[in-house]
Amino acid sequence: MVGFSINVIDREFKEDGGRVEQPYGLWSGGFDEFKTAITGTKHYESGGSNTIDNDELTITCSGSGYRTMEANEDEGYTVTVAWEDYSIRFTLIVRRAVVDVEYAQLDWSSFAYDGEVKSPKLVNVWYGAKESECNTEVPEGVIIYSGNENAEVGKHTLRAVIHNKNYRI
């Protein structure tokens, strides 16, 4: 045998180094799901190669928050893939998911005056990355509303803040 390489999504690594960047939310199953996207290959002197089953690889990751694949644009996670006497390390960067407010609208469905307090919310707010399939409605709690409750007829201001390290506008 001559060597070992790994494939991570669409990148091949034959030695330590390199980066893989993914948007937050793409791997909803966290690091355990991400690991399934890694395969190994053993290379022979004759030029041939064989794929190594994922369950034969030992895949570890350093850094806090890696289990849930929290955004870590500043430092990244160090992922090590080992098989027999070989190991290869790379940096995994989880980018913050982009919150798209281009088509955001106020939910008017329940705003007829009836003397009851209303709490307006935004609809058609999406997150993900335009280049990925991760594009869905923003989860509950990512947009924080404050001081928007009102029971009176009139003109009101909606206050909404995105306060979550895994998201950005």
N, C-alpha and C. Protein backbone atom coordinates (compact mmCIF):
# COMPACT_ATOMS: atom_id res chain seq x y z
N MET A 1 0.84 -1.18 0.00
CA MET A 1 0.00 0.00 0.00
C MET A 1 0.89 1.24 0.00
N VAL A 2 0.44 2.28 -0.66
CA VAL A 2 1.20 3.53 -0.77
C VAL A 2 0.65 4.62 0.12
N GLY A 3 -0.65 4.70 0.31
CA GLY A 3 -1.14 5.83 1.08
C GLY A 3 -2.61 5.76 1.42
N PHE A 4 -3.04 6.85 2.01
CA PHE A 4 -4.40 6.99 2.53
C PHE A 4 -4.88 8.41 2.21
N SER A 5 -6.12 8.53 1.82
CA SER A 5 -6.70 9.86 1.62
C SER A 5 -8.13 9.83 2.14
N ILE A 6 -8.68 11.02 2.37
CA ILE A 6 -10.07 11.11 2.80
C ILE A 6 -10.81 12.05 1.86
N ASN A 7 -12.10 11.82 1.75
CA ASN A 7 -12.99 12.70 1.01
C ASN A 7 -14.01 13.24 1.99
N VAL A 8 -14.12 14.56 2.01
CA VAL A 8 -15.07 15.23 2.89
C VAL A 8 -15.97 16.05 1.98
N ILE A 9 -17.21 15.60 1.83
CA ILE A 9 -18.18 16.19 0.92
C ILE A 9 -17.60 16.15 -0.48
N ASP A 10 -17.01 17.23 -0.99
CA ASP A 10 -16.46 17.21 -2.35
C ASP A 10 -14.97 17.55 -2.37
N ARG A 11 -14.28 17.43 -1.23
CA ARG A 11 -12.85 17.75 -1.14
C ARG A 11 -12.06 16.49 -0.79
N GLU A 12 -10.90 16.34 -1.41
CA GLU A 12 -10.02 15.23 -1.08
C GLU A 12 -8.80 15.77 -0.35
N PHE A 13 -8.39 15.06 0.72
CA PHE A 13 -7.21 15.41 1.48
C PHE A 13 -6.29 14.19 1.52
N LYS A 14 -5.02 14.42 1.19
CA LYS A 14 -4.02 13.35 1.26
C LYS A 14 -3.03 13.59 2.39
N GLU A 15 -3.13 14.77 2.99
CA GLU A 15 -2.25 15.12 4.11
C GLU A 15 -2.96 16.13 4.99
N ASP A 16 -2.35 16.42 6.14
CA ASP A 16 -2.93 17.39 7.07
C ASP A 16 -3.06 18.75 6.40
N GLY A 17 -4.08 19.48 6.82
CA GLY A 17 -4.27 20.85 6.33
C GLY A 17 -5.54 20.95 5.50
N GLY A 18 -5.84 22.14 5.12
CA GLY A 18 -7.04 22.39 4.33
C GLY A 18 -8.23 22.71 5.20
N ARG A 19 -9.27 23.19 4.53
CA ARG A 19 -10.49 23.62 5.23
C ARG A 19 -11.71 23.13 4.48
N VAL A 20 -12.74 22.89 5.24
CA VAL A 20 -14.07 22.61 4.70
C VAL A 20 -14.98 23.61 5.35
N GLU A 21 -15.78 24.34 4.55
CA GLU A 21 -16.72 25.33 5.09
C GLU A 21 -18.13 24.90 4.77
N GLN A 22 -19.00 24.97 5.77
CA GLN A 22 -20.41 24.61 5.62
C GLN A 22 -21.25 25.61 6.38
N PRO A 23 -22.48 25.87 5.93
CA PRO A 23 -23.35 26.78 6.68
C PRO A 23 -23.98 26.09 7.89
N TYR A 24 -24.22 26.84 8.94
CA TYR A 24 -24.92 26.32 10.11
C TYR A 24 -26.29 25.80 9.68
N GLY A 25 -26.70 24.69 10.23
CA GLY A 25 -28.02 24.14 9.95
C GLY A 25 -28.03 23.10 8.85
N LEU A 26 -26.96 23.01 8.08
CA LEU A 26 -26.92 22.02 7.00
C LEU A 26 -26.92 20.61 7.57
N TRP A 27 -26.27 20.43 8.70
CA TRP A 27 -26.19 19.11 9.33
C TRP A 27 -27.04 19.14 10.59
N SER A 28 -28.34 18.98 10.44
CA SER A 28 -29.24 19.09 11.59
C SER A 28 -28.98 18.02 12.63
N GLY A 29 -28.36 16.92 12.24
CA GLY A 29 -28.02 15.86 13.19
C GLY A 29 -26.70 16.10 13.88
N GLY A 30 -26.11 17.30 13.71
CA GLY A 30 -24.87 17.65 14.37
C GLY A 30 -23.67 16.92 13.81
N PHE A 31 -22.63 16.82 14.62
CA PHE A 31 -21.37 16.23 14.18
C PHE A 31 -21.54 14.77 13.77
N ASP A 32 -22.39 14.03 14.46
CA ASP A 32 -22.59 12.62 14.11
C ASP A 32 -23.10 12.48 12.67
N GLU A 33 -23.97 13.39 12.24
CA GLU A 33 -24.45 13.36 10.86
C GLU A 33 -23.35 13.80 9.89
N PHE A 34 -22.60 14.83 10.26
CA PHE A 34 -21.51 15.31 9.41
C PHE A 34 -20.49 14.20 9.15
N LYS A 35 -20.19 13.39 10.17
CA LYS A 35 -19.20 12.32 10.02
C LYS A 35 -19.55 11.37 8.89
N THR A 36 -20.83 11.20 8.61
CA THR A 36 -21.23 10.26 7.56
C THR A 36 -20.84 10.77 6.17
N ALA A 37 -20.46 12.04 6.06
CA ALA A 37 -20.05 12.61 4.77
C ALA A 37 -18.55 12.42 4.51
N ILE A 38 -17.88 11.69 5.40
CA ILE A 38 -16.44 11.48 5.27
C ILE A 38 -16.19 10.03 4.86
N THR A 39 -15.40 9.85 3.82
CA THR A 39 -14.99 8.51 3.41
C THR A 39 -13.48 8.46 3.31
N GLY A 40 -12.95 7.26 3.37
CA GLY A 40 -11.51 7.06 3.25
C GLY A 40 -11.19 6.23 2.03
N THR A 41 -9.96 6.37 1.55
CA THR A 41 -9.50 5.58 0.41
C THR A 41 -8.09 5.10 0.68
N LYS A 42 -7.83 3.81 0.48
CA LYS A 42 -6.47 3.31 0.56
C LYS A 42 -5.94 3.18 -0.86
N HIS A 43 -4.71 3.64 -1.05
CA HIS A 43 -4.08 3.69 -2.37
C HIS A 43 -2.95 2.67 -2.44
N TYR A 44 -2.82 1.99 -3.58
CA TYR A 44 -1.81 0.95 -3.77
C TYR A 44 -0.73 1.41 -4.75
N GLU A 45 0.46 0.80 -4.63
CA GLU A 45 1.57 1.11 -5.53
C GLU A 45 1.18 0.88 -6.99
N SER A 46 0.34 -0.07 -7.23
CA SER A 46 -0.07 -0.40 -8.59
C SER A 46 -0.95 0.69 -9.22
N GLY A 47 -1.36 1.64 -8.39
CA GLY A 47 -2.22 2.72 -8.89
C GLY A 47 -3.68 2.50 -8.55
N GLY A 48 -4.02 1.33 -8.07
CA GLY A 48 -5.40 1.05 -7.69
C GLY A 48 -5.73 1.63 -6.33
N SER A 49 -7.01 1.57 -5.99
CA SER A 49 -7.44 2.06 -4.69
C SER A 49 -8.73 1.36 -4.28
N ASN A 50 -8.99 1.36 -3.00
CA ASN A 50 -10.22 0.80 -2.44
C ASN A 50 -10.81 1.80 -1.46
N THR A 51 -12.13 1.86 -1.44
CA THR A 51 -12.82 2.71 -0.48
C THR A 51 -12.84 2.03 0.88
N ILE A 52 -12.64 2.82 1.91
CA ILE A 52 -12.71 2.32 3.29
C ILE A 52 -14.08 2.68 3.83
N ASP A 53 -14.79 1.71 4.36
CA ASP A 53 -16.11 1.98 4.92
C ASP A 53 -16.03 3.03 6.03
N ASN A 54 -17.02 3.89 6.08
CA ASN A 54 -17.06 4.97 7.07
C ASN A 54 -16.95 4.43 8.49
N ASP A 55 -17.58 3.29 8.76
CA ASP A 55 -17.54 2.76 10.13
C ASP A 55 -16.16 2.21 10.52
N GLU A 56 -15.23 2.10 9.58
CA GLU A 56 -13.85 1.69 9.88
C GLU A 56 -12.97 2.88 10.24
N LEU A 57 -13.45 4.10 9.99
CA LEU A 57 -12.69 5.32 10.28
C LEU A 57 -12.95 5.77 11.71
N THR A 58 -11.94 6.32 12.35
CA THR A 58 -12.12 6.97 13.65
C THR A 58 -12.09 8.47 13.39
N ILE A 59 -13.20 9.14 13.68
CA ILE A 59 -13.34 10.56 13.37
C ILE A 59 -13.58 11.32 14.67
N THR A 60 -12.66 12.25 14.97
CA THR A 60 -12.78 13.04 16.19
C THR A 60 -12.73 14.53 15.84
N CYS A 61 -13.19 15.34 16.78
CA CYS A 61 -13.25 16.77 16.55
C CYS A 61 -12.92 17.50 17.84
N SER A 62 -12.18 18.62 17.72
CA SER A 62 -11.85 19.41 18.90
C SER A 62 -12.66 20.70 18.87
N GLY A 63 -12.83 21.29 20.03
CA GLY A 63 -13.53 22.57 20.13
C GLY A 63 -14.88 22.41 20.78
N SER A 64 -15.31 23.45 21.51
CA SER A 64 -16.62 23.38 22.15
C SER A 64 -17.70 23.66 21.11
N GLY A 65 -18.82 23.03 21.27
CA GLY A 65 -19.94 23.25 20.37
C GLY A 65 -19.95 22.38 19.13
N TYR A 66 -18.92 21.54 18.96
CA TYR A 66 -18.87 20.78 17.72
C TYR A 66 -19.98 19.73 17.64
N ARG A 67 -20.44 19.21 18.76
CA ARG A 67 -21.50 18.18 18.73
C ARG A 67 -22.73 18.65 17.98
N THR A 68 -23.11 19.92 18.19
CA THR A 68 -24.29 20.46 17.52
C THR A 68 -23.93 21.28 16.30
N MET A 69 -22.63 21.32 15.96
CA MET A 69 -22.13 22.05 14.80
C MET A 69 -22.47 23.54 14.90
N GLU A 70 -22.21 24.14 16.06
CA GLU A 70 -22.42 25.58 16.24
C GLU A 70 -21.49 26.35 15.31
N ALA A 71 -21.92 27.54 14.92
CA ALA A 71 -21.09 28.39 14.07
C ALA A 71 -19.77 28.69 14.77
N ASN A 72 -18.69 28.65 14.01
CA ASN A 72 -17.35 28.85 14.58
C ASN A 72 -16.42 29.50 13.56
N GLU A 73 -16.90 30.53 12.91
CA GLU A 73 -16.15 31.17 11.82
C GLU A 73 -14.77 31.66 12.23
N ASP A 74 -14.58 32.03 13.48
CA ASP A 74 -13.32 32.61 13.91
C ASP A 74 -12.20 31.60 14.08
N GLU A 75 -12.49 30.46 14.66
CA GLU A 75 -11.41 29.52 14.94
C GLU A 75 -11.56 28.17 14.27
N GLY A 76 -12.75 27.75 13.99
CA GLY A 76 -12.96 26.45 13.36
C GLY A 76 -12.77 25.30 14.32
N TYR A 77 -13.14 24.12 13.86
CA TYR A 77 -12.95 22.89 14.59
C TYR A 77 -11.84 22.10 13.89
N THR A 78 -11.02 21.42 14.65
CA THR A 78 -10.01 20.54 14.06
C THR A 78 -10.57 19.13 14.04
N VAL A 79 -10.73 18.58 12.84
CA VAL A 79 -11.26 17.24 12.67
C VAL A 79 -10.09 16.33 12.30
N THR A 80 -10.02 15.20 12.98
CA THR A 80 -8.98 14.20 12.69
C THR A 80 -9.68 12.92 12.23
N VAL A 81 -9.24 12.40 11.09
CA VAL A 81 -9.76 11.14 10.56
C VAL A 81 -8.61 10.14 10.58
N ALA A 82 -8.80 9.04 11.29
CA ALA A 82 -7.74 8.04 11.42
C ALA A 82 -8.22 6.68 10.92
N TRP A 83 -7.27 5.94 10.38
CA TRP A 83 -7.52 4.57 9.94
C TRP A 83 -6.19 3.83 10.03
N GLU A 84 -6.19 2.72 10.72
CA GLU A 84 -4.96 1.95 10.97
C GLU A 84 -3.86 2.90 11.45
N ASP A 85 -2.72 2.97 10.74
CA ASP A 85 -1.60 3.83 11.19
C ASP A 85 -1.63 5.21 10.54
N TYR A 86 -2.68 5.55 9.84
CA TYR A 86 -2.76 6.82 9.12
C TYR A 86 -3.73 7.77 9.83
N SER A 87 -3.45 9.07 9.69
CA SER A 87 -4.42 10.08 10.16
C SER A 87 -4.23 11.36 9.35
N ILE A 88 -5.33 12.02 9.14
CA ILE A 88 -5.34 13.29 8.39
C ILE A 88 -6.21 14.27 9.16
N ARG A 89 -5.71 15.51 9.31
CA ARG A 89 -6.46 16.57 10.00
C ARG A 89 -6.85 17.66 9.02
N PHE A 90 -8.02 18.25 9.25
CA PHE A 90 -8.44 19.41 8.49
C PHE A 90 -9.26 20.31 9.41
N THR A 91 -9.47 21.54 8.97
CA THR A 91 -10.26 22.50 9.75
C THR A 91 -11.67 22.56 9.19
N LEU A 92 -12.63 22.43 10.07
CA LEU A 92 -14.04 22.55 9.70
C LEU A 92 -14.54 23.90 10.17
N ILE A 93 -14.98 24.73 9.23
CA ILE A 93 -15.56 26.04 9.54
C ILE A 93 -17.07 25.93 9.34
N VAL A 94 -17.82 26.22 10.38
CA VAL A 94 -19.28 26.28 10.26
C VAL A 94 -19.65 27.76 10.24
N ARG A 95 -20.09 28.24 9.06
CA ARG A 95 -20.46 29.65 8.90
C ARG A 95 -21.83 29.89 9.53
N ARG A 96 -22.01 31.11 10.02
CA ARG A 96 -23.32 31.49 10.53
C ARG A 96 -24.32 31.44 9.38
N ALA A 97 -25.51 30.98 9.66
CA ALA A 97 -26.57 30.93 8.64
C ALA A 97 -27.04 32.35 8.35
N VAL A 98 -27.30 32.61 7.11
CA VAL A 98 -27.77 33.93 6.69
C VAL A 98 -29.28 33.99 6.83
N VAL A 99 -29.76 34.98 7.58
CA VAL A 99 -31.20 35.20 7.71
C VAL A 99 -31.62 36.16 6.62
N ASP A 100 -32.51 35.72 5.79
CA ASP A 100 -32.97 36.49 4.63
C ASP A 100 -34.28 37.18 4.97
N VAL A 101 -34.24 38.50 5.06
CA VAL A 101 -35.45 39.27 5.38
C VAL A 101 -36.01 40.00 4.16
N GLU A 102 -35.52 39.65 2.98
CA GLU A 102 -35.95 40.33 1.76
C GLU A 102 -37.46 40.29 1.57
N TYR A 103 -38.09 39.17 1.91
CA TYR A 103 -39.54 39.03 1.70
C TYR A 103 -40.31 39.00 3.02
N ALA A 104 -39.68 39.48 4.09
CA ALA A 104 -40.34 39.48 5.40
C ALA A 104 -41.58 40.36 5.36
N GLN A 105 -42.60 39.90 6.04
CA GLN A 105 -43.87 40.63 6.12
C GLN A 105 -44.41 40.50 7.54
N LEU A 106 -45.23 41.45 7.89
CA LEU A 106 -45.93 41.38 9.16
C LEU A 106 -47.09 40.41 9.01
N ASP A 107 -47.27 39.54 9.98
CA ASP A 107 -48.39 38.59 9.96
C ASP A 107 -49.65 39.34 10.37
N TRP A 108 -50.47 39.66 9.39
CA TRP A 108 -51.70 40.43 9.63
C TRP A 108 -52.90 39.56 9.95
N SER A 109 -52.73 38.26 9.96
CA SER A 109 -53.88 37.35 10.05
C SER A 109 -54.75 37.53 11.29
N SER A 110 -54.21 38.07 12.38
CA SER A 110 -55.02 38.14 13.61
C SER A 110 -55.03 39.55 14.20
N PHE A 111 -55.14 40.57 13.34
CA PHE A 111 -55.05 41.92 13.86
C PHE A 111 -56.32 42.76 13.76
N ALA A 112 -57.47 42.11 13.73
CA ALA A 112 -58.72 42.87 13.80
C ALA A 112 -58.90 43.33 15.25
N TYR A 113 -59.32 44.57 15.42
CA TYR A 113 -59.48 45.10 16.78
C TYR A 113 -60.59 44.35 17.51
N ASP A 114 -60.25 43.87 18.69
CA ASP A 114 -61.24 43.20 19.54
C ASP A 114 -60.96 43.49 21.02
N GLY A 115 -60.06 44.45 21.28
CA GLY A 115 -59.72 44.81 22.65
C GLY A 115 -58.68 43.89 23.28
N GLU A 116 -58.33 42.80 22.62
CA GLU A 116 -57.33 41.86 23.13
C GLU A 116 -55.91 42.31 22.72
N VAL A 117 -54.94 41.99 23.55
CA VAL A 117 -53.54 42.33 23.25
C VAL A 117 -53.05 41.47 22.09
N LYS A 118 -52.41 42.12 21.15
CA LYS A 118 -51.85 41.44 19.98
C LYS A 118 -50.32 41.49 20.06
N SER A 119 -49.67 40.47 19.54
CA SER A 119 -48.20 40.40 19.50
C SER A 119 -47.79 40.11 18.07
N PRO A 120 -47.47 41.15 17.31
CA PRO A 120 -47.13 40.93 15.90
C PRO A 120 -45.82 40.16 15.74
N LYS A 121 -45.76 39.40 14.67
CA LYS A 121 -44.56 38.62 14.33
C LYS A 121 -44.31 38.77 12.83
N LEU A 122 -43.07 38.47 12.43
CA LEU A 122 -42.72 38.49 11.02
C LEU A 122 -42.91 37.08 10.43
N VAL A 123 -43.31 37.04 9.17
CA VAL A 123 -43.39 35.78 8.43
C VAL A 123 -42.54 35.93 7.17
N ASN A 124 -42.29 34.84 6.50
CA ASN A 124 -41.45 34.81 5.30
C ASN A 124 -40.02 35.25 5.59
N VAL A 125 -39.52 34.84 6.75
CA VAL A 125 -38.12 35.06 7.10
C VAL A 125 -37.45 33.69 7.01
N TRP A 126 -36.41 33.60 6.19
CA TRP A 126 -35.77 32.32 5.90
C TRP A 126 -34.32 32.37 6.34
N TYR A 127 -33.71 31.21 6.50
CA TYR A 127 -32.28 31.16 6.77
C TYR A 127 -31.66 30.06 5.94
N GLY A 128 -30.37 30.13 5.83
CA GLY A 128 -29.62 29.12 5.10
C GLY A 128 -28.52 29.78 4.31
N ALA A 129 -28.20 29.17 3.21
CA ALA A 129 -27.20 29.71 2.31
C ALA A 129 -27.73 29.50 0.91
N LYS A 130 -27.67 30.52 0.10
CA LYS A 130 -28.23 30.44 -1.24
C LYS A 130 -27.63 29.29 -2.04
N GLU A 131 -26.37 28.92 -1.73
CA GLU A 131 -25.72 27.86 -2.49
C GLU A 131 -26.02 26.47 -1.94
N SER A 132 -26.83 26.37 -0.89
CA SER A 132 -27.09 25.05 -0.31
C SER A 132 -28.57 24.76 -0.26
N GLU A 133 -28.87 23.53 0.09
CA GLU A 133 -30.26 23.13 0.25
C GLU A 133 -30.80 23.50 1.62
N CYS A 134 -29.95 24.07 2.46
CA CYS A 134 -30.36 24.46 3.81
C CYS A 134 -31.02 25.83 3.73
N ASN A 135 -32.28 25.88 3.47
CA ASN A 135 -33.00 27.14 3.37
C ASN A 135 -34.42 26.89 3.86
N THR A 136 -34.70 27.29 5.07
CA THR A 136 -35.98 27.00 5.69
C THR A 136 -36.39 28.15 6.60
N GLU A 137 -37.59 28.07 7.15
CA GLU A 137 -38.04 29.14 8.04
C GLU A 137 -37.16 29.19 9.29
N VAL A 138 -36.95 30.40 9.77
CA VAL A 138 -36.11 30.61 10.96
C VAL A 138 -36.76 29.92 12.15
N PRO A 139 -36.01 29.14 12.92
CA PRO A 139 -36.58 28.46 14.08
C PRO A 139 -37.07 29.44 15.14
N GLU A 140 -38.01 28.98 15.92
CA GLU A 140 -38.56 29.76 17.04
C GLU A 140 -37.42 30.18 17.96
N GLY A 141 -37.43 31.44 18.39
CA GLY A 141 -36.45 31.93 19.34
C GLY A 141 -35.24 32.61 18.73
N VAL A 142 -35.04 32.49 17.42
CA VAL A 142 -33.91 33.17 16.77
C VAL A 142 -34.20 34.66 16.65
N ILE A 143 -35.43 35.00 16.28
CA ILE A 143 -35.84 36.41 16.24
C ILE A 143 -36.52 36.72 17.56
N ILE A 144 -36.00 37.71 18.26
CA ILE A 144 -36.55 38.08 19.56
C ILE A 144 -37.34 39.37 19.40
N TYR A 145 -38.60 39.30 19.80
CA TYR A 145 -39.50 40.45 19.72
C TYR A 145 -39.60 41.07 21.10
N SER A 146 -39.63 42.42 21.15
CA SER A 146 -39.75 43.07 22.46
C SER A 146 -40.63 44.31 22.36
N GLY A 147 -41.49 44.47 23.35
CA GLY A 147 -42.31 45.66 23.45
C GLY A 147 -43.31 45.84 22.31
N ASN A 148 -43.74 44.77 21.71
CA ASN A 148 -44.63 44.86 20.54
C ASN A 148 -46.09 44.58 20.88
N GLU A 149 -46.38 44.24 22.13
CA GLU A 149 -47.75 43.91 22.50
C GLU A 149 -48.58 45.19 22.62
N ASN A 150 -49.76 45.15 22.04
CA ASN A 150 -50.64 46.32 22.11
C ASN A 150 -52.07 45.88 21.86
N ALA A 151 -53.01 46.55 22.52
CA ALA A 151 -54.42 46.23 22.34
C ALA A 151 -55.16 47.39 21.66
N GLU A 152 -54.49 48.52 21.47
CA GLU A 152 -55.14 49.70 20.94
C GLU A 152 -55.00 49.83 19.43
N VAL A 153 -55.97 50.46 18.82
CA VAL A 153 -55.91 50.77 17.40
C VAL A 153 -54.89 51.88 17.21
N GLY A 154 -54.16 51.86 16.12
CA GLY A 154 -53.20 52.91 15.85
C GLY A 154 -51.98 52.40 15.12
N LYS A 155 -51.01 53.30 15.02
CA LYS A 155 -49.75 52.99 14.35
C LYS A 155 -48.75 52.51 15.40
N HIS A 156 -48.12 51.37 15.13
CA HIS A 156 -47.20 50.79 16.10
C HIS A 156 -45.91 50.38 15.41
N THR A 157 -44.83 50.33 16.18
CA THR A 157 -43.53 49.94 15.65
C THR A 157 -43.23 48.51 16.08
N LEU A 158 -42.79 47.69 15.13
CA LEU A 158 -42.40 46.32 15.42
C LEU A 158 -40.91 46.31 15.73
N ARG A 159 -40.53 45.75 16.87
CA ARG A 159 -39.13 45.62 17.24
C ARG A 159 -38.76 44.14 17.21
N ALA A 160 -37.79 43.83 16.37
CA ALA A 160 -37.33 42.45 16.25
C ALA A 160 -35.82 42.45 16.13
N VAL A 161 -35.18 41.54 16.87
CA VAL A 161 -33.71 41.46 16.89
C VAL A 161 -33.31 40.00 16.68
N ILE A 162 -32.29 39.81 15.88
CA ILE A 162 -31.70 38.48 15.77
C ILE A 162 -30.55 38.44 16.75
N HIS A 163 -30.68 37.57 17.73
CA HIS A 163 -29.67 37.49 18.78
C HIS A 163 -29.31 36.02 18.99
N ASN A 164 -28.51 35.51 18.07
CA ASN A 164 -28.12 34.12 18.15
C ASN A 164 -26.80 33.99 17.39
N LYS A 165 -25.79 33.43 18.00
CA LYS A 165 -24.47 33.40 17.39
C LYS A 165 -24.40 32.55 16.12
N ASN A 166 -25.42 31.75 15.84
CA ASN A 166 -25.41 30.90 14.66
C ASN A 166 -26.05 31.56 13.43
N TYR A 167 -26.55 32.79 13.58
CA TYR A 167 -27.26 33.46 12.51
C TYR A 167 -26.76 34.89 12.31
N ARG A 168 -26.91 35.40 11.11
CA ARG A 168 -26.63 36.82 10.80
C ARG A 168 -27.57 37.24 9.68
N ILE A 169 -27.83 38.55 9.62
CA ILE A 169 -28.71 39.06 8.55
C ILE A 169 -27.92 39.16 7.28
